[in-house]
Protein backbone atom coordinates (compact mmCIF):
# COMPACT_ATOMS: atom_id res chain seq x y z
CA UNK A 1 2.60 7.06 -11.34
CA UNK A 2 0.06 9.57 -9.68
CA UNK A 3 -2.35 9.23 -12.80
CA UNK A 4 -3.64 5.53 -12.10
CA UNK A 5 -4.53 6.72 -8.47
CA UNK A 6 -6.25 9.84 -9.83
CA UNK A 7 -8.47 7.59 -12.17
CA UNK A 8 -9.90 6.22 -8.88
CA UNK A 9 -9.59 9.19 -6.92
CA UNK A 10 -7.83 7.15 -4.35
CA UNK A 11 -6.38 8.75 -1.74
CA UNK A 12 -3.40 6.79 0.22
CA UNK A 13 -0.89 7.75 2.83
CA UNK A 14 2.76 7.55 1.40
CA UNK A 15 3.57 4.56 3.12
CA UNK A 16 0.71 2.46 1.92
CA UNK A 17 1.28 3.87 -1.63
CA UNK A 18 4.60 2.46 -1.73
CA UNK A 19 3.56 -1.03 -0.77
CA UNK A 20 0.72 -1.08 -3.15
CA UNK A 21 3.14 -0.01 -5.93
CA UNK A 22 5.48 -2.74 -5.09
CA UNK A 23 2.48 -5.36 -4.99
CA UNK A 24 1.19 -3.85 -8.17
CA UNK A 25 4.78 -3.87 -9.81
CA UNK A 26 4.90 -7.48 -8.79
CA UNK A 27 1.44 -8.36 -10.26
CA UNK A 28 2.19 -6.63 -13.45
CA UNK A 29 5.45 -8.70 -13.70
CA UNK A 30 3.70 -11.94 -13.46
CA UNK A 31 0.41 -11.10 -15.26
CA UNK A 32 1.41 -8.24 -17.79
CA UNK A 33 -1.96 -6.63 -16.73
CA UNK A 34 -3.16 -3.82 -18.82
CA UNK A 35 -5.67 -2.14 -16.79
CA UNK A 36 -4.41 -0.87 -13.35
CA UNK A 37 -7.26 0.44 -11.51
CA UNK A 38 -8.81 -2.87 -10.91
CA UNK A 39 -5.48 -4.58 -9.80
CA UNK A 40 -5.17 -1.63 -7.28
CA UNK A 41 -8.62 -2.04 -5.69
CA UNK A 42 -7.89 -6.00 -5.41
CA UNK A 43 -4.55 -5.10 -3.67
CA UNK A 44 -6.09 -2.81 -1.22
CA UNK A 45 -8.87 -5.41 -0.54
CA UNK A 46 -6.13 -7.91 0.02
CA UNK A 47 -4.04 -5.62 2.36
CA UNK A 48 -7.37 -4.74 4.10
CA UNK A 49 -8.16 -8.30 4.66
CA UNK A 50 -4.70 -9.24 6.00
CA UNK A 51 -4.95 -6.42 8.46
CA UNK A 52 -2.21 -4.42 6.65
CA UNK A 53 -4.66 -1.58 5.43
CA UNK A 54 -7.60 0.36 6.76
CA UNK A 55 -9.88 3.03 5.42
CA UNK A 56 -10.46 6.15 7.32
CA UNK A 57 -12.30 9.37 7.13
CA UNK A 58 -10.34 12.33 6.47
CA UNK A 59 -11.21 15.78 7.93
CA UNK A 60 -12.51 16.85 4.75
CA UNK A 61 -15.00 14.08 4.82
CA UNK A 62 -13.28 12.01 1.93
CA UNK A 63 -12.45 8.41 2.46
CA UNK A 64 -8.70 7.49 2.40
CA UNK A 65 -6.30 4.60 3.02
CA UNK A 66 -3.60 4.11 5.26
CA UNK A 67 -1.36 1.40 6.76
CA UNK A 68 -2.68 -0.17 9.82
CA UNK A 69 -0.53 0.30 13.23
CA UNK A 70 0.43 -3.44 12.96
CA UNK A 71 1.93 -2.94 9.55
CA UNK A 72 4.00 0.20 10.51
CA UNK A 73 5.09 -1.81 13.50
CA UNK A 74 6.30 -4.69 11.40
CA UNK A 75 7.82 -2.53 8.73
CA UNK A 76 9.73 -0.69 11.87
CA UNK A 77 10.83 -4.01 13.19
CA UNK A 78 12.13 -5.10 9.64
CA UNK A 79 14.30 -1.87 9.33
CA UNK A 80 15.60 -2.25 12.75
CA UNK A 81 16.52 -5.87 11.95
CA UNK A 82 18.24 -4.69 8.50
CA UNK A 83 20.19 -1.96 10.45
CA UNK A 84 21.47 -4.36 12.91
CA UNK A 85 22.56 -6.75 10.40
CA UNK A 86 24.58 -4.00 8.85
CA UNK A 87 26.18 -3.07 12.13
CA UNK A 88 27.26 -6.47 12.70
């Protein structure tokens, strides 16, 4: 799956990459999209507008994307809830 990210030179953290891939799979199932670079850019814009992703400047001066602290907090809460349900 790395090839579709290399085409656009997108740099994503592992967490954000996972959720973008999930959204892309969902989009492909619904729309059967052939070209994947535009949907990835749209997914990132949608995540950014929702407050789930943000751009940042890496130490090497390149722009990259990562999940926001709010998204990471929601994911941690959801993981804890799932673990609590399994424990019950």
